Each structure stands twice: as C-alpha cells, then as structure tokens.
Protein backbone atom coordinates (compact mmCIF):
# COMPACT_ATOMS: atom_id res chain seq x y z
CA MET A 1 -34.16 -6.65 -7.53
CA THR A 2 -35.17 -7.32 -10.75
CA ASP A 3 -36.70 -4.18 -10.81
CA SER A 4 -33.36 -2.32 -10.37
CA PRO A 5 -34.55 1.37 -10.82
CA ASN A 6 -37.48 1.25 -9.11
CA ALA A 7 -35.64 -0.92 -6.18
CA LEU A 8 -33.00 1.86 -6.50
CA VAL A 9 -35.87 4.16 -5.68
CA ALA A 10 -37.09 2.50 -2.91
CA VAL A 11 -33.70 2.01 -1.11
CA LEU A 12 -32.18 5.67 -1.55
CA THR A 13 -36.08 6.49 -0.05
CA GLU A 14 -35.42 4.28 3.01
CA LEU A 15 -31.63 5.63 3.15
CA GLY A 16 -32.85 9.38 2.78
CA TRP A 17 -30.27 9.95 -0.11
CA ARG A 18 -31.10 12.41 -2.79
CA PRO A 19 -29.41 11.00 -6.54
CA LYS A 20 -26.88 13.16 -6.18
CA VAL A 21 -26.04 12.30 -2.66
CA LEU A 22 -25.62 8.87 -4.14
CA ALA A 23 -23.11 10.06 -6.80
CA ARG A 24 -20.79 11.86 -4.26
CA ARG A 25 -20.93 8.96 -1.66
CA LEU A 26 -19.89 6.78 -4.78
CA ASN A 27 -17.25 8.62 -5.59
CA SER A 28 -15.72 9.05 -2.11
CA PHE A 29 -16.51 5.34 -1.80
CA ALA A 30 -14.38 4.69 -4.90
CA ALA A 31 -11.08 5.98 -4.06
CA PRO A 32 -10.27 3.93 -1.23
CA HIS A 33 -10.87 0.89 -2.87
CA GLY A 34 -8.15 1.83 -5.64
CA ARG A 35 -11.07 2.82 -8.48
CA ALA A 36 -10.21 5.81 -10.65
CA GLU A 37 -13.25 6.29 -11.59
CA ARG A 38 -15.95 9.31 -10.83
CA MET A 39 -19.11 10.09 -12.09
CA HIS A 40 -21.17 13.72 -12.54
CA ALA A 41 -23.47 14.66 -9.60
CA THR A 42 -26.20 13.59 -11.76
CA THR A 43 -24.98 10.69 -13.06
CA PRO A 44 -27.61 8.91 -11.19
CA CYS A 45 -31.00 10.41 -12.11
CA THR A 46 -30.55 8.60 -15.60
CA TRP A 47 -30.35 5.09 -13.80
CA LEU A 48 -33.50 6.16 -12.01
CA HIS A 49 -34.88 6.17 -15.92
CA GLY A 50 -33.99 3.02 -16.60
CA ASP A 51 -30.39 3.48 -18.38
CA ARG A 52 -27.78 1.02 -17.28
CA PRO A 53 -24.72 1.83 -15.79
CA CYS A 54 -21.20 0.94 -17.10
CA SER A 55 -18.63 -1.16 -14.68
CA PRO A 56 -17.83 -0.94 -12.13
CA TRP A 57 -20.36 0.98 -11.06
CA PRO A 58 -22.96 -1.60 -10.29
CA ALA A 59 -20.60 -3.71 -8.34
CA LEU A 60 -19.94 -0.55 -6.40
CA VAL A 61 -23.27 0.54 -5.53
CA ALA A 62 -24.32 -3.28 -4.88
CA ALA A 63 -21.09 -2.97 -2.03
CA LEU A 64 -22.04 0.74 -0.85
CA LEU A 65 -25.68 0.15 -0.53
CA SER A 66 -25.24 -3.02 1.57
CA GLU A 67 -22.69 -1.65 4.00
CA GLU A 68 -24.67 1.57 4.49
CA LEU A 69 -27.92 -0.47 5.34
CA GLY A 70 -26.42 -4.22 6.50
CA ARG A 71 -27.87 -6.30 4.10
CA PRO A 72 -27.19 -7.23 0.80
CA ILE A 73 -29.11 -5.06 -1.00
CA ILE A 74 -28.31 -5.93 -4.98
CA THR A 75 -26.86 -9.20 -5.97
CA THR A 76 -25.38 -10.76 -9.05
CA ALA A 77 -28.24 -12.91 -9.44
CA ASP A 78 -31.25 -10.19 -9.56
CA ARG A 79 -30.09 -7.37 -10.66
CA SER A 80 -30.10 -6.38 -14.29
CA TRP A 81 -27.36 -4.42 -14.48
CA ASP A 82 -23.98 -6.49 -15.68
CA GLY A 83 -24.80 -9.31 -13.39
CA ASP A 84 -21.75 -10.71 -14.41
CA ILE A 85 -19.56 -8.18 -12.56
CA GLU A 86 -19.67 -8.60 -8.19
CA ALA A 87 -18.08 -6.91 -5.65
CA VAL A 88 -15.34 -9.37 -3.58
CA SER A 89 -13.30 -8.51 -0.69
CA ALA A 90 -9.28 -8.15 -1.53
CA THR A 91 -8.67 -11.16 0.52
CA SER A 92 -11.14 -13.36 -1.42
CA GLY A 93 -9.50 -16.76 -2.01
CA LEU A 94 -7.12 -15.83 0.67
CA ILE A 95 -8.43 -17.31 3.90
CA LEU A 96 -5.61 -20.04 3.68
CA PRO A 97 -3.77 -22.44 6.24
CA TRP A 98 -0.76 -21.34 7.62
CA THR A 99 0.96 -24.34 6.18
CA ALA A 100 3.67 -24.84 2.98
CA ALA A 101 0.10 -26.28 0.71
CA GLY A 102 -1.56 -23.06 2.35
CA SER A 103 1.89 -20.55 0.55
CA LEU A 104 1.38 -22.21 -2.39
CA GLN A 105 -2.25 -21.73 -3.14
CA ALA A 106 -1.78 -18.15 -1.97
CA VAL A 107 1.35 -17.34 -4.34
CA ARG A 108 -1.29 -19.25 -7.07
CA ALA A 109 -4.01 -17.34 -6.31
CA VAL A 110 -2.66 -13.91 -6.88
CA ALA A 111 -0.20 -15.19 -9.81
CA GLU A 112 -2.95 -16.28 -11.77
CA ALA A 113 -4.86 -13.50 -11.22
CA GLY A 114 -7.32 -14.09 -14.04
CA SER A 115 -10.28 -15.88 -11.91
CA MET A 116 -10.54 -12.32 -10.66
CA ASP A 117 -10.98 -10.22 -13.98
CA ARG A 118 -14.59 -10.28 -13.97
CA ARG A 119 -14.45 -9.10 -10.39
CA ILE A 120 -14.38 -6.20 -8.46
CA LEU A 121 -11.86 -6.11 -5.70
CA LEU A 122 -12.76 -3.98 -2.34
CA THR A 123 -10.24 -2.90 0.09
CA SER A 124 -10.26 -4.27 3.50
CA LEU A 125 -11.09 -1.37 5.87
CA GLY A 126 -11.46 -1.53 9.80
CA THR A 127 -10.88 -4.66 11.55
CA GLY A 128 -10.68 -6.77 8.65
CA ALA A 129 -7.43 -4.90 7.34
CA CYS A 130 -5.37 -6.15 10.70
CA ALA A 131 -7.38 -9.93 10.41
CA PRO A 132 -4.57 -11.38 8.38
CA ALA A 133 -1.47 -9.49 10.51
CA HIS A 134 -3.38 -10.85 13.59
CA GLU A 135 -3.50 -14.74 12.06
CA TRP A 136 0.11 -14.68 11.07
CA LEU A 137 0.88 -13.63 14.60
CA ILE A 138 -0.48 -16.22 15.89
CA ALA A 139 0.60 -18.62 13.55
CA GLN A 140 3.92 -18.01 14.63
CA PRO A 141 6.21 -21.67 15.98
CA LEU A 142 7.26 -21.28 19.46
CA ALA A 143 10.35 -23.69 18.19
CA ALA A 144 13.14 -21.31 16.40
CA GLN A 145 12.25 -23.87 13.33
CA PRO A 146 8.97 -23.43 11.53
CA GLU A 147 6.65 -26.16 11.96
CA THR A 148 5.88 -26.77 8.41
CA ASP A 149 8.28 -28.60 5.82
CA THR A 150 8.33 -27.37 2.47
CA ALA A 151 10.09 -29.70 0.16
CA ARG A 152 9.11 -31.22 -3.06
CA ALA A 153 9.47 -35.13 -3.73
CA SER A 154 8.79 -34.84 -7.74
CA GLY A 155 10.19 -32.74 -10.77
CA LEU A 156 13.21 -31.31 -12.14
CA PRO A 157 15.95 -31.07 -9.32
CA LEU A 158 15.98 -27.28 -8.42
CA ALA A 159 19.81 -25.85 -7.14
CA ALA A 160 19.94 -23.45 -4.47
CA GLY A 161 22.23 -21.64 -6.76
CA ALA A 162 18.69 -20.30 -9.14
CA ILE A 163 17.50 -18.80 -6.35
CA ASP A 164 20.60 -16.31 -5.86
CA SER A 165 20.10 -15.64 -9.23
CA LEU A 166 16.09 -15.29 -8.81
CA ASP A 167 17.02 -13.05 -5.69
CA ASN A 168 19.18 -10.92 -7.46
CA ILE A 169 16.47 -9.78 -10.24
CA VAL A 170 13.99 -9.04 -7.67
CA GLY A 171 16.64 -6.46 -6.07
CA HIS A 172 17.41 -5.38 -9.51
CA LEU A 173 13.86 -4.72 -9.79
CA ARG A 174 13.47 -2.59 -6.10
CA ARG A 175 16.22 -0.24 -7.46
CA ILE A 176 14.88 0.28 -10.74
CA ASP A 177 11.27 0.98 -8.90
CA ASP A 178 13.59 3.84 -6.66
CA GLN A 179 14.59 5.36 -9.96
CA MET A 180 11.66 5.42 -12.42
CA GLY A 181 8.89 5.00 -9.72
CA SER A 182 6.10 2.09 -9.52
CA GLY A 183 4.29 2.81 -12.81
CA THR A 184 5.89 0.56 -15.76
CA LEU A 185 6.94 -1.94 -13.22
CA LEU A 186 4.03 -4.17 -11.91
CA PRO A 187 4.11 -6.07 -15.26
CA LEU A 188 7.77 -7.17 -14.78
CA ALA A 189 6.86 -8.52 -11.01
CA ARG A 190 4.13 -10.15 -12.00
CA ALA A 191 6.08 -12.07 -14.70
CA GLN A 192 8.96 -12.72 -11.87
CA LEU A 193 6.13 -13.88 -9.48
CA GLN A 194 4.94 -16.26 -12.20
CA CYS A 195 8.10 -17.89 -13.04
CA VAL A 196 8.40 -18.50 -9.12
CA GLN A 197 5.05 -20.35 -8.73
CA ASP A 198 5.64 -22.27 -11.88
CA LEU A 199 8.95 -23.59 -10.23
CA LEU A 200 7.25 -23.74 -6.73
CA THR A 201 5.00 -26.15 -8.24
CA GLU A 202 6.82 -28.12 -10.68
CA ARG A 203 10.83 -28.47 -9.80
CA ARG A 204 12.15 -30.72 -6.78
CA TYR A 205 13.70 -29.60 -3.90
CA THR A 206 14.68 -29.82 -0.43
CA ASP A 207 13.14 -28.01 2.63
CA SER A 208 16.11 -25.91 2.51
CA VAL A 209 15.71 -24.54 -1.01
CA GLY A 210 11.84 -25.10 -0.62
CA ARG A 211 11.95 -21.95 2.09
CA ARG A 212 14.27 -19.75 0.33
CA LEU A 213 11.80 -20.32 -2.83
CA HIS A 214 8.72 -19.39 -0.49
CA ALA A 215 10.34 -16.07 0.87
CA THR A 216 11.66 -15.12 -2.95
CA ALA A 217 8.05 -15.39 -3.68
CA GLY A 218 7.11 -13.68 -0.04
CA GLU A 219 9.27 -10.41 -0.66
CA LEU A 220 8.07 -10.37 -4.73
CA MET A 221 4.51 -10.23 -3.48
CA ARG A 222 5.62 -7.91 -0.98
CA PHE A 223 7.50 -5.88 -3.75
CA ALA A 224 4.30 -6.04 -6.07
CA GLY A 225 2.02 -5.21 -3.19
CA TRP A 226 4.14 -2.03 -3.08
CA LEU A 227 3.91 -1.15 -6.39
CA SER A 228 0.08 -1.33 -6.68
CA PHE A 229 0.06 0.78 -3.50
CA ASP A 230 2.18 3.47 -5.02
CA SER A 231 0.40 2.99 -8.07
CA GLY A 232 -3.10 3.78 -5.96
CA GLN A 233 -4.15 -0.07 -6.39
CA HIS A 234 -5.17 -0.30 -2.89
CA PRO A 235 -7.50 -3.62 -3.10
CA GLN A 236 -4.39 -5.36 -5.06
CA ALA A 237 -1.97 -4.46 -2.63
CA GLN A 238 -3.75 -6.05 0.03
CA ARG A 239 -4.26 -9.22 -2.26
CA TYR A 240 -0.41 -8.95 -2.92
CA TRP A 241 0.20 -8.57 1.01
CA VAL A 242 -1.91 -11.47 2.44
CA ALA A 243 -0.55 -13.64 0.30
CA GLY A 244 3.08 -12.55 0.88
CA LEU A 245 2.33 -13.09 4.48
CA HIS A 246 1.37 -16.77 4.00
CA ALA A 247 4.97 -17.32 2.00
CA ALA A 248 6.91 -15.42 4.37
CA HIS A 249 5.11 -17.70 7.49
CA ALA A 250 5.84 -21.10 5.48
CA ALA A 251 9.58 -20.02 4.50
CA GLY A 252 10.21 -19.38 8.29
CA ASP A 253 11.05 -15.87 7.47
CA ARG A 254 9.49 -12.95 10.51
CA ALA A 255 11.53 -10.28 9.28
CA LEU A 256 9.75 -10.93 6.10
CA GLY A 257 6.41 -11.05 7.76
CA ALA A 258 6.69 -8.08 9.84
CA ASN A 259 8.10 -6.10 6.90
CA ILE A 260 4.60 -6.80 4.96
CA ILE A 261 2.69 -5.83 8.15
CA GLY A 262 4.56 -2.64 8.51
CA PHE A 263 3.67 -2.15 4.72
CA MET A 264 -0.17 -2.56 5.49
CA SER A 265 0.13 -0.05 8.08
CA CYS A 266 1.11 2.47 6.20
CA GLN A 267 -1.25 1.64 3.74
CA ALA A 268 -4.14 1.91 6.61
CA VAL A 269 -2.65 5.76 7.66
CA ASP A 270 -3.02 6.63 3.73
CA LEU A 271 -6.52 5.66 3.81
CA GLY A 272 -7.25 7.60 6.85
CA GLN A 273 -7.64 4.23 9.01
CA ILE A 274 -5.56 5.61 11.91
CA ARG A 275 -6.32 3.06 14.42
CA GLU A 276 -5.57 0.00 12.20
CA GLY A 277 -2.33 1.50 11.19
CA VAL A 278 -1.17 1.47 14.75
CA THR A 279 -2.80 -2.25 15.03
CA LEU A 280 -0.48 -3.32 12.40
CA ALA A 281 2.32 -1.50 12.98
CA GLU A 282 2.53 -2.78 16.71
CA THR A 283 1.49 -5.92 15.53
CA ALA A 284 5.07 -6.04 13.35
CA ARG A 285 7.25 -5.00 15.90
CA MET A 286 5.77 -7.67 18.38
CA GLY A 287 6.18 -10.38 15.40
CA TYR A 288 9.21 -9.55 14.98
CA PRO A 289 12.08 -10.89 17.37
CA GLY A 290 14.44 -7.88 16.67
CA ALA A 291 17.73 -9.88 15.47
CA THR A 292 18.90 -7.29 13.06
CA PRO A 293 19.22 -3.68 13.71
CA ARG A 294 17.96 -2.16 10.50
CA VAL A 295 14.98 -4.63 10.01
CA ALA A 296 13.92 -3.62 13.49
CA ALA A 297 14.49 0.35 12.98
CA ILE A 298 12.07 0.01 9.69
CA LEU A 299 9.54 -1.30 12.04
CA ASP A 300 10.08 1.29 14.89
CA LEU A 301 9.50 4.27 12.09
CA ARG A 302 6.48 2.38 11.19
CA ARG A 303 4.95 2.33 14.84
CA ALA A 304 6.46 6.07 14.95
CA GLN A 305 4.47 7.27 11.73
CA ALA A 306 1.00 5.40 12.82
CA HIS A 307 1.27 7.02 16.08
CA ALA A 308 1.85 10.10 14.77
CA CYS A 309 -1.11 10.16 12.45
CA ASP A 310 -2.84 9.01 15.63
CA ARG A 311 -1.55 12.18 17.40
CA SER A 312 0.16 10.25 20.02
CA VAL A 313 3.02 12.27 20.91
CA THR A 314 4.87 10.52 23.34
CA GLU A 315 4.87 6.62 21.63
CA CYS A 316 5.86 8.70 18.62
CA ARG A 317 8.94 10.21 20.01
CA ARG A 318 9.93 6.77 22.05
CA ALA A 319 8.90 4.83 18.72
CA LEU A 320 11.49 7.15 16.74
CA ASN A 321 13.88 7.19 19.65
CA ALA A 322 14.27 3.07 19.25
CA ALA A 323 14.55 3.56 15.59
CA PHE A 324 17.44 5.95 15.79
CA ASP A 325 19.17 4.09 18.15
CA ARG A 326 18.62 0.62 16.12
CA LEU A 327 20.08 2.34 13.40
CA GLY A 328 22.96 3.45 15.09
CA GLU A 329 24.34 0.00 15.99
CA ALA A 330 26.70 -2.88 14.45
CA PRO A 331 25.15 -4.89 11.92
CA SER A 332 24.18 -8.23 12.47
CA SER A 333 26.58 -11.19 12.31
CA SER A 334 24.02 -13.07 10.02
CA GLY A 335 23.78 -9.69 7.65
CA GLU A 336 20.56 -7.89 6.80
CA PRO A 337 18.19 -8.34 4.29
CA ASP A 338 18.79 -7.17 0.98
CA TRP A 339 15.12 -5.70 1.12
CA SER A 340 15.96 -3.89 3.65
CA TYR A 341 19.20 -1.41 1.77
CA TRP A 342 16.62 1.12 1.03
CA LEU A 343 16.58 2.35 5.04
CA ASP A 344 19.61 4.97 5.51
CA GLU A 345 20.09 7.93 7.49
CA ALA A 346 18.40 10.23 5.09
CA THR A 347 15.11 8.04 4.74
CA ALA A 348 14.93 7.76 8.63
CA HIS A 349 15.35 11.32 8.41
CA SER A 350 12.82 12.09 6.31
CA MET A 351 10.56 9.92 8.05
CA ALA A 352 11.14 11.46 11.22
CA GLY A 353 9.79 14.56 9.52
CA PHE A 354 6.82 13.05 8.22
CA CYS A 355 5.82 12.23 12.58
CA TYR A 356 6.52 15.72 13.54
CA LEU A 357 4.67 17.01 10.39
CA ARG A 358 1.59 15.14 11.63
CA LEU A 359 1.99 16.28 15.41
CA GLU A 360 1.90 19.81 13.55
CA ASP A 361 5.88 20.51 15.54
CA TRP A 362 7.01 21.92 12.42
CA SER A 363 10.67 23.27 13.97
CA ARG A 364 11.50 19.99 14.44
CA ALA A 365 9.78 18.64 11.21
CA ARG A 366 11.68 21.14 9.35
CA GLN A 367 15.23 20.00 11.14
CA HIS A 368 14.74 16.52 10.12
CA LEU A 369 13.52 16.87 6.26
CA SER A 370 16.13 19.30 5.91
CA THR A 371 18.40 16.83 6.97
CA ALA A 372 17.43 14.25 5.00
CA LEU A 373 17.88 16.65 2.04
CA ARG A 374 21.40 17.24 3.13
CA LEU A 375 22.00 13.29 3.28
CA TRP A 376 19.53 12.46 -0.01
CA ASP A 377 21.35 9.99 -2.42
CA PRO A 378 19.98 11.44 -5.77
CA SER A 379 19.89 8.00 -7.44
CA TYR A 380 16.27 8.00 -4.53
CA PRO A 381 14.52 10.24 -7.00
CA ARG A 382 11.20 9.57 -5.43
CA GLN A 383 12.41 9.75 -1.85
CA GLY A 384 13.70 13.25 -2.73
CA ALA A 385 10.69 14.53 -4.28
CA TRP A 386 8.29 12.91 -1.04
CA THR A 387 10.44 14.60 0.88
CA ASN A 388 10.10 18.13 -0.75
CA ILE A 389 6.70 18.29 -0.62
CA GLN A 390 6.45 17.18 3.54
CA LEU A 391 9.30 19.97 3.96
CA ALA A 392 7.01 22.72 1.79
CA THR A 393 4.24 21.81 3.93
CA THR A 394 5.93 22.75 7.23
CA TYR A 395 6.70 26.75 5.59
CA LEU A 396 3.01 26.74 4.33
CA ARG A 397 1.17 25.26 7.67
CA GLN A 398 3.67 27.34 9.70
CA ASP A 399 2.10 30.46 11.95
CA GLN A 400 3.49 33.10 9.50
CA PRO A 401 3.62 31.05 5.78
CA GLU A 402 6.81 31.07 4.16
CA VAL A 403 4.84 31.11 0.81
CA ASP A 404 7.58 32.03 -1.72
CA HIS A 405 9.65 28.92 -0.08
CA ALA A 406 6.88 26.05 -0.44
CA VAL A 407 6.62 26.78 -3.80
CA ALA A 408 10.19 26.49 -4.34
CA LEU A 409 9.89 23.15 -3.35
CA ALA A 410 6.84 22.27 -4.40
CA THR A 411 8.03 23.10 -7.76
CA ARG A 412 10.82 20.82 -7.07
CA ALA A 413 8.62 17.71 -6.16
CA MET A 414 7.12 18.60 -9.27
CA GLN A 415 9.52 18.34 -12.11
CA THR A 416 10.95 15.04 -10.67
CA LEU A 417 7.35 13.53 -10.68
CA THR A 418 7.03 15.09 -14.00
CA SER A 419 10.07 14.10 -15.77
CA GLU A 420 11.79 11.29 -13.85
CA VAL A 421 9.20 8.77 -11.28
CA ASP A 422 5.97 7.87 -12.15
CA SER A 423 4.29 7.76 -8.61
CA THR A 424 0.48 7.44 -8.43
CA ARG A 425 1.32 8.50 -4.16
CA CYS A 426 3.12 10.74 -4.12
CA ALA A 427 1.42 12.96 -7.14
CA GLY A 428 -1.57 12.90 -5.14
CA HIS A 429 0.25 14.03 -1.57
CA LEU A 430 1.54 16.65 -4.07
CA ILE A 431 -1.81 18.02 -5.56
CA GLN A 432 -3.37 17.78 -1.90
CA LEU A 433 -0.19 20.39 -1.02
CA VAL A 434 -1.26 22.64 -4.15
CA GLY A 435 -4.58 22.61 -2.79
CA ASP A 436 -3.31 24.33 0.12
CA PHE A 437 -1.44 26.97 -1.89
CA ALA A 438 -5.14 28.56 -2.56
CA PRO A 439 -5.72 31.81 -0.18
CA TYR A 440 -2.34 32.62 -2.17
CA ARG A 441 -3.56 32.05 -5.88
CA ARG A 442 -3.44 35.25 -6.95
CA ARG A 443 0.61 35.05 -7.20
CA SER A 444 2.17 34.36 -10.21
CA ALA A 445 4.26 31.46 -8.63
CA VAL A 446 1.12 30.03 -7.47
CA ARG A 447 -0.87 30.12 -10.52
CA GLN A 448 2.28 28.39 -12.25
CA LEU A 449 2.35 25.60 -10.04
CA THR A 450 -1.45 25.01 -10.20
CA GLU A 451 -1.17 24.61 -13.68
CA GLN A 452 1.58 22.33 -13.64
CA ALA A 453 -0.46 20.52 -11.00
CA ALA A 454 -3.42 20.00 -13.54
CA GLY A 455 -1.19 18.84 -15.50
CA LEU A 456 0.43 16.09 -13.75
CA LEU A 457 -3.28 15.25 -12.38
CA THR A 458 -4.26 14.80 -16.30
CA ALA A 459 -1.60 12.70 -17.01
CA ARG A 460 -2.47 10.45 -13.90
C-alpha cells in the first residue's frame, strides 16, 4: 500500500464503511488495547485527502482493518504512515519454553522494555487470552518437585537472606498500592524487577535460592501487571502476567501461577470477554491443589465473579460457598503466601456483593456489600471506594430507585478517588455509574455529582 489515501478508500469501500464509521470503530478498538487516545468523528476524512495520522493511529488502523478483513491490509513495509511503528500482540517475544531458561528470557523481555518502545501493544483477546494459561496448566509436572534446575554456577554468591529483603520490599509496595492506588507505583515496581533480573543473570546461587528468586520475579510481575491493569494499560498487564507465569513455573510455585491466572480472568471480565474470564478462572482453580485455604478462597471468588458475569447462577453460588468455606478453615501449617494478605472477610463480602450485583439480586448484593463496609479496614481506601460504587449501583438499579442514597455513596467514592487513591479502573466504574444517573439530572445532588465526575475524568 504505497498510496495510503487511495488504498484506505478502497478498504473502506470493501467494508462498506464511511470515514465516521472508521473513527467510531477506532475509538472502540483503542480502549480494550489500553490506549486512552480518541479521535473526532471527522478526522479520517482528512486522511483521505492526504493528511498523515499521528501515532498510534497508523498502527491501530492497520490492526483493526486486518482484523476485520482477515488479511494484512497495511503493513510496516508498504505504507507511508509512520512506517517505523507497528502493532504487535502483548505476548510478542513471550512464546517461550517452560524452563528456567525460558523464565529468564521472559523476565528480560519485560524488564528491558526499551525494545518495545517503537511498537503498539495489542491486548490478546478471545482464545489468545487463554492460551498462556492453558500452556502453564499443561506444563505442570506430575511429581511434587519441578522438573527444571534453576541453579547458576558463576558470579558472586547470592544468599537466601537477600531474597527475604527483596520480598519485604515487594510487600511494602503492595501495601502502598492499597493506600495510594496504582498510578504512581509502576516505575518503582519496574525498577525492582530490573534489580531482580540482574541478580538472576549475574549472581551465583543454588537451585533452592534460584527457585525463590524466580518466585520473587514472578510476584513482582504479577504486581506490575496489576498496577498496569488498574491504570488501564491492558496489553502491558497481560505482558507482565504471561512473563510472571513462566517465572512461577520455574519456581515450582503453583499458588502464584494460579493467582496470576485469576488476575487474567478479572481483566477478561472487565474487558467484556466473559467466556474467556470463566475459562481462565476455572483453569486457575484446576491448576492449584488447594493446599492453603486463603489462596483456594481467592481462586473460588474469581470463579464466582466470572460465573456471575456469565449469569450462571448455580455455578456462581457454588463457587461462593466454596470460597467462604475455605476462608473459614484454619490456616495451613506451612502458612499463607504473603501476597494473599488482602483477602479478609470484608473483601470476600465485597466480592460476593459484586457477584449478586451482576446477577441483579439487589437484596443479596446489598447485604454482602453493607457487611463489607461494616468490616472494612480504612487502610484499604481503594477497596472502600469500590464497595461504595457497587452498593450505590444496587440502590440506583432496584425497582424503586433510592437516588439520594445512591448519590451519597457515589459521592463518598468520588471523594476517595479525588483525594486519596489513583485508580483508573475504579474511576472508570464510577464514571459509568454517574452516567446511570442521567434520568435524574435535574436534581441538584445529581448535577453536583456529575460535575465532580467531569473533573475526575479530566484529571484521569
């Protein structure tokens, strides 16, 4: 395609699209791929008259049109639009063997992100989102011990005590995220991951120390993926999580691997990929033997949320019952992973409330969400904001809406997200809720809430 305007006209004609349709489809296409850019409806008209679109639109045009027609339409080699930028899958460079060497390559691929700077990452959707999880499940060894040796024979020795300190740092970062949100923490997580990568590739350590180091890398990538997801950077989140799966496998840490897949399920549901969310949640639970009650409860709650969004009432309730049963069990003799600390009774009730909200069982949803707020630990402000958003939704969507009560709850969440917590994901759900107040926009409280939401949207 050497003459981009003429070629674009031909493709739009083949699809039966007007330029405004292309603009609308591109705006819809950009969002799930973690791009915040949006264009005016008339912008593609200027392209047809010879204007060159700026990044990321050339790569997104190529990806969208290729997807629509099932063949490559605009390639890096033959277009005149910013030809040095291309769109690639989030898993580019991460199709690797499930070995210690594969784990090292995965860590390097995401820790040294400079090679991806001239690429637009596209979120893996549909069956592509599930493929890494299925590969991880199949790769699990039948024996209790992992099949791969992680030891490294050269370099200065690395003691196990150093990994304790690294894990403590990761624990502090997780708790800062609880208090502040994801917006400012991703650079810190990346810097920490770079440090761990240097240790993995330059120091000498035994197999047992190597497994712990791979587990530390895996949890850092799980955490960086969560920060990216909470910030709306969906392709980057997938990239961290796929790499984290490799590290968890090398470490022989099935709980960590299953937890990563649980987060992948949560993302799929958020993106409207409900079937994939269910598949991922079931894969995570299938791949974990259930040794620790809290981890098993986390995975069952992820299953419940996915089934709720799929409107599978029986499966959702079964998973919820299993989760609360496991949460009530005595802790494992080996202890619970530190990363599982966040699941307490309040959070479990909040997640159950989310499930019943999706099932439109307003009474049960409100019961769980109210319990969650009563038990809520104020040191988790994002969780409080999220629960208030869900509870407000129950009052607004019930047969006889209680608008004032819903406004009060939404306002509390707004205050948290404005003054305490930087969470693009929470802010997005709140702004969606505010949109549901449109039939009541003449009320002064609703007008005030709408104005505050506009300010929050601008800030984000």
